[in-house]
């Protein structure tokens, strides 16, 4: 893993302590580096890699909140602290619906936890800090530029995600901080948008309010204690009001049903779909994981019906090792 000191945010984008009414350095000290090692035979190894690095945020005594894809199926996790110490961590859980992940430090962090704020109270134009491990030089002074729905190609949907600009270059697991120094979101992605005829990068942030109802379950059970959504292992995008398959997860239900790249999903259980959002909502409304999902598909001039037997994605993942 590259040392945390090998890169810096451009000075023009760094936050300055004098611009905030809270102790910026103290708050940013609660953001730690995170390094995870994943077995080569893990289900997510091919798509997400066997070595993942990003950030995490201390939210309780030794409890670190991050974005789940960094730690999914990890066999070892290391937390890199601002004073140079490295502390082992244990993966507590991951929520596929929100994308949050939790790690418990296996040693003393001696770091003050960040309080959780309200993402619902955030307004467009609010000045925020996207905090990375390493303090001000690895953090970005940013603004909330959008609060809107986000549909991901991997069967993921947020009714209202937060978007910030300028973007953090090492966004995974970053801390979104409001003007009181409270945690209001966790960095997930960097996306490109068109503005005034030019492309610019923004960060997609998972709102912290989504964590509050599920935090106890993640700590106790490693996942949310309710029936899982049906999962197809189907990657899709939306083109001209059509849901187009761009790939399938190896050995997942869609691959076993022989769905292929460039297939167009026309309907779910007879109901027409013209967007990813509609596709996901109709899929999840059919029942829980294991339910049969009837699809109407168009491919190279031929329209046909196929039934895909969904599954619980967690059954395909390696469970965290007990320490």
C-alpha atoms as a PDB file:
ATOM      1  CA  UNK A   1       0.000   0.000   0.000  1.00  0.00           C
ATOM      2  CA  UNK A   2       1.417   3.437  -0.868  1.00  0.00           C
ATOM      3  CA  UNK A   3       2.379   5.490   2.138  1.00  0.00           C
ATOM      4  CA  UNK A   4      -0.189   8.077   3.141  1.00  0.00           C
ATOM      5  CA  UNK A   5       2.409  10.809   2.629  1.00  0.00           C
ATOM      6  CA  UNK A   6       2.940  10.112  -1.077  1.00  0.00           C
ATOM      7  CA  UNK A   7       0.114  12.329  -2.304  1.00  0.00           C
ATOM      8  CA  UNK A   8      -1.620  15.556  -1.356  1.00  0.00           C
ATOM      9  CA  UNK A   9      -4.759  17.405  -2.342  1.00  0.00           C
ATOM     10  CA  UNK A  10      -3.891  20.500  -4.415  1.00  0.00           C
ATOM     11  CA  UNK A  11      -3.421  23.432  -1.993  1.00  0.00           C
ATOM     12  CA  UNK A  12      -6.251  25.424  -3.594  1.00  0.00           C
ATOM     13  CA  UNK A  13      -8.724  22.654  -2.643  1.00  0.00           C
ATOM     14  CA  UNK A  14      -7.499  22.038   0.901  1.00  0.00           C
ATOM     15  CA  UNK A  15      -9.617  23.253   3.844  1.00  0.00           C
ATOM     16  CA  UNK A  16      -8.208  26.028   6.034  1.00  0.00           C
ATOM     17  CA  UNK A  17      -8.757  25.913   9.791  1.00  0.00           C
ATOM     18  CA  UNK A  18      -9.709  29.596   9.947  1.00  0.00           C
ATOM     19  CA  UNK A  19     -12.749  28.974   7.722  1.00  0.00           C
ATOM     20  CA  UNK A  20     -14.515  26.739  10.261  1.00  0.00           C
ATOM     21  CA  UNK A  21     -16.051  27.224  13.701  1.00  0.00           C
ATOM     22  CA  UNK A  22     -14.826  23.807  14.878  1.00  0.00           C
ATOM     23  CA  UNK A  23     -11.349  22.437  15.494  1.00  0.00           C
ATOM     24  CA  UNK A  24     -10.623  21.168  11.995  1.00  0.00           C
ATOM     25  CA  UNK A  25      -7.419  19.326  12.871  1.00  0.00           C
ATOM     26  CA  UNK A  26      -9.006  17.547  15.836  1.00  0.00           C
ATOM     27  CA  UNK A  27     -11.997  16.459  13.770  1.00  0.00           C
ATOM     28  CA  UNK A  28      -9.866  15.238  10.842  1.00  0.00           C
ATOM     29  CA  UNK A  29      -7.775  13.189  13.272  1.00  0.00           C
ATOM     30  CA  UNK A  30     -10.812  10.879  13.520  1.00  0.00           C
ATOM     31  CA  UNK A  31     -10.348   9.836   9.875  1.00  0.00           C
ATOM     32  CA  UNK A  32      -7.990   6.881   9.481  1.00  0.00           C
ATOM     33  CA  UNK A  33      -6.429   5.047   6.564  1.00  0.00           C
ATOM     34  CA  UNK A  34      -7.739   1.570   5.809  1.00  0.00           C
ATOM     35  CA  UNK A  35      -5.959  -1.263   4.002  1.00  0.00           C
ATOM     36  CA  UNK A  36      -7.704  -4.589   3.336  1.00  0.00           C
ATOM     37  CA  UNK A  37      -6.429  -7.902   1.954  1.00  0.00           C
ATOM     38  CA  UNK A  38      -8.940 -10.177   0.210  1.00  0.00           C
ATOM     39  CA  UNK A  39      -8.352 -13.837  -0.743  1.00  0.00           C
ATOM     40  CA  UNK A  40      -7.787 -14.430  -4.451  1.00  0.00           C
ATOM     41  CA  UNK A  41     -10.674 -16.921  -4.553  1.00  0.00           C
ATOM     42  CA  UNK A  42     -13.158 -14.468  -3.016  1.00  0.00           C
ATOM     43  CA  UNK A  43     -16.323 -13.756  -4.983  1.00  0.00           C
ATOM     44  CA  UNK A  44     -15.509 -10.042  -5.263  1.00  0.00           C
ATOM     45  CA  UNK A  45     -11.775 -10.450  -5.953  1.00  0.00           C
ATOM     46  CA  UNK A  46     -12.113 -10.246  -9.728  1.00  0.00           C
ATOM     47  CA  UNK A  47     -14.187  -7.058  -9.746  1.00  0.00           C
ATOM     48  CA  UNK A  48     -12.887  -5.200  -6.676  1.00  0.00           C
ATOM     49  CA  UNK A  49      -9.364  -6.605  -6.379  1.00  0.00           C
ATOM     50  CA  UNK A  50      -7.489  -8.459  -3.661  1.00  0.00           C
ATOM     51  CA  UNK A  51      -5.907  -5.373  -2.110  1.00  0.00           C
ATOM     52  CA  UNK A  52      -8.088  -2.358  -1.326  1.00  0.00           C
ATOM     53  CA  UNK A  53      -7.207   0.929   0.319  1.00  0.00           C
ATOM     54  CA  UNK A  54      -9.199   3.946   1.406  1.00  0.00           C
ATOM     55  CA  UNK A  55     -10.431   5.692   4.506  1.00  0.00           C
ATOM     56  CA  UNK A  56     -12.541   5.052   7.580  1.00  0.00           C
ATOM     57  CA  UNK A  57     -14.052   7.211  10.312  1.00  0.00           C
ATOM     58  CA  UNK A  58     -13.990   6.492  14.048  1.00  0.00           C
ATOM     59  CA  UNK A  59     -17.596   6.801  15.283  1.00  0.00           C
ATOM     60  CA  UNK A  60     -17.376   4.998  18.635  1.00  0.00           C
ATOM     61  CA  UNK A  61     -14.767   3.383  20.870  1.00  0.00           C
ATOM     62  CA  UNK A  62     -12.624   1.535  18.310  1.00  0.00           C
ATOM     63  CA  UNK A  63     -15.523   1.379  15.843  1.00  0.00           C
ATOM     64  CA  UNK A  64     -14.671   2.505  12.315  1.00  0.00           C
ATOM     65  CA  UNK A  65     -17.266   3.292   9.667  1.00  0.00           C
ATOM     66  CA  UNK A  66     -16.228   2.965   6.023  1.00  0.00           C
ATOM     67  CA  UNK A  67     -17.649   2.159   2.618  1.00  0.00           C
ATOM     68  CA  UNK A  68     -18.414  -1.532   2.407  1.00  0.00           C
ATOM     69  CA  UNK A  69     -16.684  -2.433  -0.863  1.00  0.00           C
ATOM     70  CA  UNK A  70     -13.308  -1.781   0.773  1.00  0.00           C
ATOM     71  CA  UNK A  71     -13.794  -4.561   3.320  1.00  0.00           C
ATOM     72  CA  UNK A  72     -16.145  -7.057   1.651  1.00  0.00           C
ATOM     73  CA  UNK A  73     -14.634 -10.569   2.110  1.00  0.00           C
ATOM     74  CA  UNK A  74     -11.463  -9.137   3.694  1.00  0.00           C
ATOM     75  CA  UNK A  75      -9.322 -11.670   5.540  1.00  0.00           C
ATOM     76  CA  UNK A  76      -7.255  -8.919   7.165  1.00  0.00           C
ATOM     77  CA  UNK A  77      -7.770  -5.202   7.721  1.00  0.00           C
ATOM     78  CA  UNK A  78      -5.225  -2.645   8.911  1.00  0.00           C
ATOM     79  CA  UNK A  79      -6.016   0.825  10.218  1.00  0.00           C
ATOM     80  CA  UNK A  80      -3.353   3.477   9.587  1.00  0.00           C
ATOM     81  CA  UNK A  81      -3.418   6.235  12.200  1.00  0.00           C
ATOM     82  CA  UNK A  82      -2.196   9.783  11.879  1.00  0.00           C
ATOM     83  CA  UNK A  83       0.624   9.269  14.382  1.00  0.00           C
ATOM     84  CA  UNK A  84       2.139   6.478  12.287  1.00  0.00           C
ATOM     85  CA  UNK A  85       0.699   3.543  14.213  1.00  0.00           C
ATOM     86  CA  UNK A  86      -0.949   0.647  12.393  1.00  0.00           C
ATOM     87  CA  UNK A  87      -3.685  -1.264  14.222  1.00  0.00           C
ATOM     88  CA  UNK A  88      -5.318  -4.499  13.095  1.00  0.00           C
ATOM     89  CA  UNK A  89      -9.063  -4.487  12.569  1.00  0.00           C
ATOM     90  CA  UNK A  90     -11.862  -7.022  12.346  1.00  0.00           C
ATOM     91  CA  UNK A  91     -14.693  -6.723   9.826  1.00  0.00           C
ATOM     92  CA  UNK A  92     -17.946  -6.507  11.769  1.00  0.00           C
ATOM     93  CA  UNK A  93     -20.348  -6.201   8.893  1.00  0.00           C
ATOM     94  CA  UNK A  94     -21.451  -4.799   5.569  1.00  0.00           C
ATOM     95  CA  UNK A  95     -24.832  -3.600   4.338  1.00  0.00           C
ATOM     96  CA  UNK A  96     -25.470  -4.070   0.643  1.00  0.00           C
ATOM     97  CA  UNK A  97     -28.533  -1.796   0.649  1.00  0.00           C
ATOM     98  CA  UNK A  98     -26.774   1.349   1.903  1.00  0.00           C
ATOM     99  CA  UNK A  99     -23.175   0.376   1.151  1.00  0.00           C
ATOM    100  CA  UNK A 100     -21.866   1.008   4.673  1.00  0.00           C
ATOM    101  CA  UNK A 101     -19.208  -1.211   6.273  1.00  0.00           C
ATOM    102  CA  UNK A 102     -18.029  -1.502   9.888  1.00  0.00           C
ATOM    103  CA  UNK A 103     -14.624  -2.437  11.291  1.00  0.00           C
ATOM    104  CA  UNK A 104     -13.730  -2.980  14.940  1.00  0.00           C
ATOM    105  CA  UNK A 105     -10.178  -2.046  15.891  1.00  0.00           C
ATOM    106  CA  UNK A 106      -8.356  -4.857  17.702  1.00  0.00           C
ATOM    107  CA  UNK A 107      -6.096  -2.427  19.543  1.00  0.00           C
ATOM    108  CA  UNK A 108      -6.410   0.938  21.232  1.00  0.00           C
ATOM    109  CA  UNK A 109      -6.910   3.755  18.746  1.00  0.00           C
ATOM    110  CA  UNK A 110      -6.903   6.589  21.286  1.00  0.00           C
ATOM    111  CA  UNK A 111      -8.931   8.648  18.806  1.00  0.00           C
ATOM    112  CA  UNK A 112     -11.966  10.742  19.685  1.00  0.00           C
ATOM    113  CA  UNK A 113     -15.055   9.489  17.809  1.00  0.00           C
ATOM    114  CA  UNK A 114     -16.890  11.837  15.470  1.00  0.00           C
ATOM    115  CA  UNK A 115     -20.498  12.674  16.369  1.00  0.00           C
ATOM    116  CA  UNK A 116     -23.144  11.822  13.799  1.00  0.00           C
ATOM    117  CA  UNK A 117     -24.981  14.793  12.335  1.00  0.00           C
ATOM    118  CA  UNK A 118     -28.107  14.965  10.178  1.00  0.00           C
ATOM    119  CA  UNK A 119     -27.729  14.500   6.442  1.00  0.00           C
ATOM    120  CA  UNK A 120     -31.395  15.452   5.997  1.00  0.00           C
ATOM    121  CA  UNK A 121     -30.629  18.951   7.257  1.00  0.00           C
ATOM    122  CA  UNK A 122     -27.948  19.456   4.612  1.00  0.00           C
ATOM    123  CA  UNK A 123     -28.823  22.013   1.941  1.00  0.00           C
ATOM    124  CA  UNK A 124     -27.538  22.665  -1.560  1.00  0.00           C
ATOM    125  CA  UNK A 125     -24.622  25.068  -1.438  1.00  0.00           C
ATOM    126  CA  UNK A 126     -23.603  24.109   2.091  1.00  0.00           C
ATOM    127  CA  UNK A 127     -19.863  24.314   2.688  1.00  0.00           C
ATOM    128  CA  UNK A 128     -18.543  20.918   3.744  1.00  0.00           C
ATOM    129  CA  UNK A 129     -15.247  19.113   4.173  1.00  0.00           C
ATOM    130  CA  UNK A 130     -14.562  15.767   2.544  1.00  0.00           C
ATOM    131  CA  UNK A 131     -12.016  14.456   5.026  1.00  0.00           C
ATOM    132  CA  UNK A 132      -9.358  11.900   4.176  1.00  0.00           C
ATOM    133  CA  UNK A 133      -6.790  10.134   6.328  1.00  0.00           C
ATOM    134  CA  UNK A 134      -3.798  12.385   6.898  1.00  0.00           C
ATOM    135  CA  UNK A 135      -5.402  15.665   7.893  1.00  0.00           C
ATOM    136  CA  UNK A 136      -5.887  18.906   5.979  1.00  0.00           C
ATOM    137  CA  UNK A 137      -3.450  18.124   3.160  1.00  0.00           C
ATOM    138  CA  UNK A 138      -5.489  15.034   2.271  1.00  0.00           C
ATOM    139  CA  UNK A 139      -8.911  16.618   2.644  1.00  0.00           C
ATOM    140  CA  UNK A 140     -11.032  18.778   0.356  1.00  0.00           C
ATOM    141  CA  UNK A 141     -12.989  21.966   1.053  1.00  0.00           C
ATOM    142  CA  UNK A 142     -16.149  21.251  -0.891  1.00  0.00           C
ATOM    143  CA  UNK A 143     -19.805  22.149  -1.402  1.00  0.00           C
ATOM    144  CA  UNK A 144     -22.990  20.123  -1.619  1.00  0.00           C
ATOM    145  CA  UNK A 145     -24.012  20.484  -5.260  1.00  0.00           C
ATOM    146  CA  UNK A 146     -26.858  17.951  -5.448  1.00  0.00           C
ATOM    147  CA  UNK A 147     -29.180  15.815  -3.338  1.00  0.00           C
ATOM    148  CA  UNK A 148     -30.810  13.299  -5.644  1.00  0.00           C
ATOM    149  CA  UNK A 149     -31.521   9.695  -6.438  1.00  0.00           C
ATOM    150  CA  UNK A 150     -28.600   7.498  -7.426  1.00  0.00           C
ATOM    151  CA  UNK A 151     -28.888   4.162  -9.235  1.00  0.00           C
ATOM    152  CA  UNK A 152     -25.754   2.035  -9.502  1.00  0.00           C
ATOM    153  CA  UNK A 153     -25.168  -0.606 -12.143  1.00  0.00           C
ATOM    154  CA  UNK A 154     -24.623  -3.300  -9.470  1.00  0.00           C
ATOM    155  CA  UNK A 155     -28.292  -3.478  -8.274  1.00  0.00           C
ATOM    156  CA  UNK A 156     -27.940  -0.502  -5.946  1.00  0.00           C
ATOM    157  CA  UNK A 157     -30.290   2.408  -5.368  1.00  0.00           C
ATOM    158  CA  UNK A 158     -30.310   5.373  -3.002  1.00  0.00           C
ATOM    159  CA  UNK A 159     -33.437   7.510  -2.916  1.00  0.00           C
ATOM    160  CA  UNK A 160     -31.319  10.555  -2.081  1.00  0.00           C
ATOM    161  CA  UNK A 161     -27.531  10.579  -2.235  1.00  0.00           C
ATOM    162  CA  UNK A 162     -25.330  13.617  -1.567  1.00  0.00           C
ATOM    163  CA  UNK A 163     -22.995  14.958  -4.250  1.00  0.00           C
ATOM    164  CA  UNK A 164     -20.053  17.267  -3.561  1.00  0.00           C
ATOM    165  CA  UNK A 165     -17.680  19.377  -5.649  1.00  0.00           C
ATOM    166  CA  UNK A 166     -14.717  19.623  -5.949  1.00  0.00           C
ATOM    167  CA  UNK A 167     -14.142  15.897  -5.686  1.00  0.00           C
ATOM    168  CA  UNK A 168     -11.796  14.098  -3.327  1.00  0.00           C
ATOM    169  CA  UNK A 169      -9.215  12.083  -5.311  1.00  0.00           C
ATOM    170  CA  UNK A 170      -9.138   9.203  -2.775  1.00  0.00           C
ATOM    171  CA  UNK A 171     -12.854   9.162  -2.063  1.00  0.00           C
ATOM    172  CA  UNK A 172     -13.543   5.678  -0.701  1.00  0.00           C
ATOM    173  CA  UNK A 173     -14.601   5.870   2.959  1.00  0.00           C
ATOM    174  CA  UNK A 174     -13.961   9.605   3.317  1.00  0.00           C
ATOM    175  CA  UNK A 175     -15.811  11.608   5.986  1.00  0.00           C
ATOM    176  CA  UNK A 176     -18.318  14.228   4.868  1.00  0.00           C
ATOM    177  CA  UNK A 177     -18.312  16.904   7.588  1.00  0.00           C
ATOM    178  CA  UNK A 178     -20.847  19.676   8.102  1.00  0.00           C
ATOM    179  CA  UNK A 179     -20.176  23.159   9.493  1.00  0.00           C
ATOM    180  CA  UNK A 180     -20.289  21.788  13.053  1.00  0.00           C
ATOM    181  CA  UNK A 181     -17.679  19.131  12.434  1.00  0.00           C
ATOM    182  CA  UNK A 182     -20.274  16.346  12.505  1.00  0.00           C
ATOM    183  CA  UNK A 183     -20.237  13.306  10.237  1.00  0.00           C
ATOM    184  CA  UNK A 184     -23.049  13.514   7.665  1.00  0.00           C
ATOM    185  CA  UNK A 185     -21.920  10.961   5.082  1.00  0.00           C
ATOM    186  CA  UNK A 186     -19.323   8.490   3.834  1.00  0.00           C
ATOM    187  CA  UNK A 187     -17.621   8.804   0.452  1.00  0.00           C
ATOM    188  CA  UNK A 188     -18.498   6.117  -2.074  1.00  0.00           C
ATOM    189  CA  UNK A 189     -17.707   7.127  -5.662  1.00  0.00           C
ATOM    190  CA  UNK A 190     -16.255   9.700  -8.005  1.00  0.00           C
ATOM    191  CA  UNK A 191     -18.510  10.522 -10.934  1.00  0.00           C
ATOM    192  CA  UNK A 192     -18.326  12.839 -13.912  1.00  0.00           C
ATOM    193  CA  UNK A 193     -21.008  15.397 -14.701  1.00  0.00           C
ATOM    194  CA  UNK A 194     -21.442  17.947 -17.456  1.00  0.00           C
ATOM    195  CA  UNK A 195     -21.611  21.563 -16.357  1.00  0.00           C
ATOM    196  CA  UNK A 196     -21.434  24.687 -18.507  1.00  0.00           C
ATOM    197  CA  UNK A 197     -20.175  22.649 -21.425  1.00  0.00           C
ATOM    198  CA  UNK A 198     -17.323  20.999 -19.556  1.00  0.00           C
ATOM    199  CA  UNK A 199     -16.877  17.816 -17.566  1.00  0.00           C
ATOM    200  CA  UNK A 200     -16.166  17.978 -13.843  1.00  0.00           C
ATOM    201  CA  UNK A 201     -15.759  15.336 -11.172  1.00  0.00           C
ATOM    202  CA  UNK A 202     -18.018  15.058  -8.130  1.00  0.00           C
ATOM    203  CA  UNK A 203     -18.140  12.669  -5.194  1.00  0.00           C
ATOM    204  CA  UNK A 204     -21.214  10.581  -4.425  1.00  0.00           C
ATOM    205  CA  UNK A 205     -21.679  10.385  -0.663  1.00  0.00           C
ATOM    206  CA  UNK A 206     -23.880   7.906   1.230  1.00  0.00           C
ATOM    207  CA  UNK A 207     -25.965   9.948   3.739  1.00  0.00           C
ATOM    208  CA  UNK A 208     -25.327   9.203   7.406  1.00  0.00           C
ATOM    209  CA  UNK A 209     -29.040   9.134   8.247  1.00  0.00           C
ATOM    210  CA  UNK A 210     -29.202   5.749   6.480  1.00  0.00           C
ATOM    211  CA  UNK A 211     -26.799   4.326   9.064  1.00  0.00           C
ATOM    212  CA  UNK A 212     -28.769   5.169  12.187  1.00  0.00           C
ATOM    213  CA  UNK A 213     -31.574   2.576  11.831  1.00  0.00           C
ATOM    214  CA  UNK A 214     -29.170  -0.262  10.985  1.00  0.00           C
ATOM    215  CA  UNK A 215     -26.107   0.441  13.137  1.00  0.00           C
ATOM    216  CA  UNK A 216     -27.080  -1.855  16.007  1.00  0.00           C
ATOM    217  CA  UNK A 217     -27.826  -4.729  13.619  1.00  0.00           C
ATOM    218  CA  UNK A 218     -24.481  -4.317  11.848  1.00  0.00           C
ATOM    219  CA  UNK A 219     -22.657  -4.396  15.175  1.00  0.00           C
ATOM    220  CA  UNK A 220     -24.536  -7.435  16.481  1.00  0.00           C
ATOM    221  CA  UNK A 221     -25.195  -9.558  13.396  1.00  0.00           C
ATOM    222  CA  UNK A 222     -22.822  -8.301  10.691  1.00  0.00           C
ATOM    223  CA  UNK A 223     -25.752  -7.398   8.462  1.00  0.00           C
ATOM    224  CA  UNK A 224     -29.251  -5.968   8.754  1.00  0.00           C
ATOM    225  CA  UNK A 225     -31.505  -8.421  10.571  1.00  0.00           C
ATOM    226  CA  UNK A 226     -34.271  -8.776   8.002  1.00  0.00           C
ATOM    227  CA  UNK A 227     -34.841 -10.875   4.868  1.00  0.00           C
ATOM    228  CA  UNK A 228     -32.450 -10.087   2.040  1.00  0.00           C
ATOM    229  CA  UNK A 229     -33.502  -8.514  -1.217  1.00  0.00           C
ATOM    230  CA  UNK A 230     -33.483 -10.708  -4.330  1.00  0.00           C
ATOM    231  CA  UNK A 231     -30.175 -10.381  -6.176  1.00  0.00           C
ATOM    232  CA  UNK A 232     -29.549 -11.319  -9.820  1.00  0.00           C
ATOM    233  CA  UNK A 233     -25.860 -10.563 -10.300  1.00  0.00           C
ATOM    234  CA  UNK A 234     -26.748  -8.415 -13.271  1.00  0.00           C
ATOM    235  CA  UNK A 235     -24.901  -5.222 -14.229  1.00  0.00           C
ATOM    236  CA  UNK A 236     -27.009  -2.734 -16.140  1.00  0.00           C
ATOM    237  CA  UNK A 237     -27.114   0.809 -17.436  1.00  0.00           C
ATOM    238  CA  UNK A 238     -29.842   3.094 -18.724  1.00  0.00           C
ATOM    239  CA  UNK A 239     -29.627   4.137 -22.397  1.00  0.00           C
ATOM    240  CA  UNK A 240     -32.422   6.029 -24.164  1.00  0.00           C
ATOM    241  CA  UNK A 241     -35.061   4.890 -21.650  1.00  0.00           C
ATOM    242  CA  UNK A 242     -33.945   1.292 -21.906  1.00  0.00           C
ATOM    243  CA  UNK A 243     -32.329  -0.937 -19.292  1.00  0.00           C
ATOM    244  CA  UNK A 244     -29.335  -2.516 -21.012  1.00  0.00           C
ATOM    245  CA  UNK A 245     -27.245  -5.380 -19.610  1.00  0.00           C
ATOM    246  CA  UNK A 246     -23.545  -4.492 -19.527  1.00  0.00           C
ATOM    247  CA  UNK A 247     -22.374  -7.660 -17.812  1.00  0.00           C
ATOM    248  CA  UNK A 248     -23.152 -10.391 -15.319  1.00  0.00           C
ATOM    249  CA  UNK A 249     -21.466 -11.576 -12.151  1.00  0.00           C
ATOM    250  CA  UNK A 250     -19.637 -14.868 -12.671  1.00  0.00           C
ATOM    251  CA  UNK A 251     -21.716 -17.797 -11.405  1.00  0.00           C
ATOM    252  CA  UNK A 252     -24.518 -15.440 -10.361  1.00  0.00           C
ATOM    253  CA  UNK A 253     -28.195 -16.070 -11.175  1.00  0.00           C
ATOM    254  CA  UNK A 254     -28.210 -13.895 -14.326  1.00  0.00           C
ATOM    255  CA  UNK A 255     -25.146 -15.660 -15.714  1.00  0.00           C
ATOM    256  CA  UNK A 256     -26.686 -19.074 -14.998  1.00  0.00           C
ATOM    257  CA  UNK A 257     -29.825 -17.956 -16.827  1.00  0.00           C
ATOM    258  CA  UNK A 258     -27.566 -17.069 -19.787  1.00  0.00           C
ATOM    259  CA  UNK A 259     -28.362 -13.372 -19.858  1.00  0.00           C
ATOM    260  CA  UNK A 260     -25.751 -11.597 -21.948  1.00  0.00           C
ATOM    261  CA  UNK A 261     -24.186  -8.192 -22.547  1.00  0.00           C
ATOM    262  CA  UNK A 262     -26.425  -5.948 -24.708  1.00  0.00           C
ATOM    263  CA  UNK A 263     -29.613  -7.742 -23.660  1.00  0.00           C
ATOM    264  CA  UNK A 264     -32.377  -5.192 -23.069  1.00  0.00           C
ATOM    265  CA  UNK A 265     -34.653  -5.746 -20.064  1.00  0.00           C
ATOM    266  CA  UNK A 266     -38.126  -4.788 -21.277  1.00  0.00           C
ATOM    267  CA  UNK A 267     -40.272  -5.923 -18.351  1.00  0.00           C
ATOM    268  CA  UNK A 268     -40.234  -7.482 -14.888  1.00  0.00           C
ATOM    269  CA  UNK A 269     -43.111  -9.898 -14.219  1.00  0.00           C
ATOM    270  CA  UNK A 270     -44.975  -8.367 -17.143  1.00  0.00           C
ATOM    271  CA  UNK A 271     -44.533  -4.754 -15.999  1.00  0.00           C
ATOM    272  CA  UNK A 272     -42.637  -2.566 -18.470  1.00  0.00           C
ATOM    273  CA  UNK A 273     -39.421  -0.932 -17.205  1.00  0.00           C
ATOM    274  CA  UNK A 274     -37.668   2.000 -18.863  1.00  0.00           C
ATOM    275  CA  UNK A 275     -35.208   2.977 -16.101  1.00  0.00           C
ATOM    276  CA  UNK A 276     -32.824   1.347 -13.666  1.00  0.00           C
ATOM    277  CA  UNK A 277     -34.889   2.721 -10.790  1.00  0.00           C
ATOM    278  CA  UNK A 278     -38.071   1.087 -12.068  1.00  0.00           C
ATOM    279  CA  UNK A 279     -36.192  -2.146 -12.771  1.00  0.00           C
ATOM    280  CA  UNK A 280     -34.796  -2.360  -9.238  1.00  0.00           C
ATOM    281  CA  UNK A 281     -38.034  -1.417  -7.504  1.00  0.00           C
ATOM    282  CA  UNK A 282     -40.072  -3.968  -9.444  1.00  0.00           C
ATOM    283  CA  UNK A 283     -37.403  -6.615  -8.844  1.00  0.00           C
ATOM    284  CA  UNK A 284     -37.303  -6.019  -5.091  1.00  0.00           C
ATOM    285  CA  UNK A 285     -41.112  -5.836  -4.862  1.00  0.00           C
ATOM    286  CA  UNK A 286     -41.406  -9.461  -5.997  1.00  0.00           C
ATOM    287  CA  UNK A 287     -40.329 -10.778  -2.612  1.00  0.00           C
ATOM    288  CA  UNK A 288     -37.199 -11.778  -0.752  1.00  0.00           C
ATOM    289  CA  UNK A 289     -34.028 -13.469  -1.938  1.00  0.00           C
ATOM    290  CA  UNK A 290     -34.774 -16.774  -3.656  1.00  0.00           C
ATOM    291  CA  UNK A 291     -37.888 -15.563  -5.445  1.00  0.00           C
ATOM    292  CA  UNK A 292     -38.225 -16.310  -9.157  1.00  0.00           C
ATOM    293  CA  UNK A 293     -37.903 -13.188 -11.294  1.00  0.00           C
ATOM    294  CA  UNK A 294     -39.717 -13.326 -14.661  1.00  0.00           C
ATOM    295  CA  UNK A 295     -38.023 -11.037 -17.194  1.00  0.00           C
ATOM    296  CA  UNK A 296     -38.933 -10.053 -20.727  1.00  0.00           C
ATOM    297  CA  UNK A 297     -35.715  -9.569 -22.683  1.00  0.00           C
ATOM    298  CA  UNK A 298     -34.852  -8.304 -26.155  1.00  0.00           C
ATOM    299  CA  UNK A 299     -31.634  -9.340 -27.899  1.00  0.00           C
ATOM    300  CA  UNK A 300     -30.645  -8.780 -31.535  1.00  0.00           C
ATOM    301  CA  UNK A 301     -34.201  -8.543 -32.836  1.00  0.00           C
ATOM    302  CA  UNK A 302     -35.613 -11.359 -30.716  1.00  0.00           C
ATOM    303  CA  UNK A 303     -37.864 -10.847 -27.684  1.00  0.00           C
ATOM    304  CA  UNK A 304     -38.165 -13.696 -25.184  1.00  0.00           C
ATOM    305  CA  UNK A 305     -39.162 -14.464 -21.594  1.00  0.00           C
ATOM    306  CA  UNK A 306     -36.747 -15.903 -19.057  1.00  0.00           C
ATOM    307  CA  UNK A 307     -37.131 -16.647 -15.364  1.00  0.00           C
ATOM    308  CA  UNK A 308     -34.131 -15.961 -13.149  1.00  0.00           C
ATOM    309  CA  UNK A 309     -34.044 -17.517  -9.689  1.00  0.00           C
ATOM    310  CA  UNK A 310     -32.662 -14.803  -7.419  1.00  0.00           C
ATOM    311  CA  UNK A 311     -30.387 -15.370  -4.452  1.00  0.00           C
ATOM    312  CA  UNK A 312     -29.031 -13.702  -1.338  1.00  0.00           C
ATOM    313  CA  UNK A 313     -25.713 -12.164  -2.402  1.00  0.00           C
ATOM    314  CA  UNK A 314     -24.258 -12.708   1.065  1.00  0.00           C
ATOM    315  CA  UNK A 315     -24.379 -16.472   0.527  1.00  0.00           C
ATOM    316  CA  UNK A 316     -21.707 -16.086  -2.158  1.00  0.00           C
ATOM    317  CA  UNK A 317     -19.342 -14.039   0.010  1.00  0.00           C
ATOM    318  CA  UNK A 318     -16.624 -15.232   2.358  1.00  0.00           C
ATOM    319  CA  UNK A 319     -17.554 -14.535   5.962  1.00  0.00           C
ATOM    320  CA  UNK A 320     -15.174 -12.499   8.148  1.00  0.00           C
ATOM    321  CA  UNK A 321     -12.723 -14.599  10.136  1.00  0.00           C
ATOM    322  CA  UNK A 322     -13.138 -14.503  13.898  1.00  0.00           C
ATOM    323  CA  UNK A 323     -10.228 -13.047  15.864  1.00  0.00           C
END
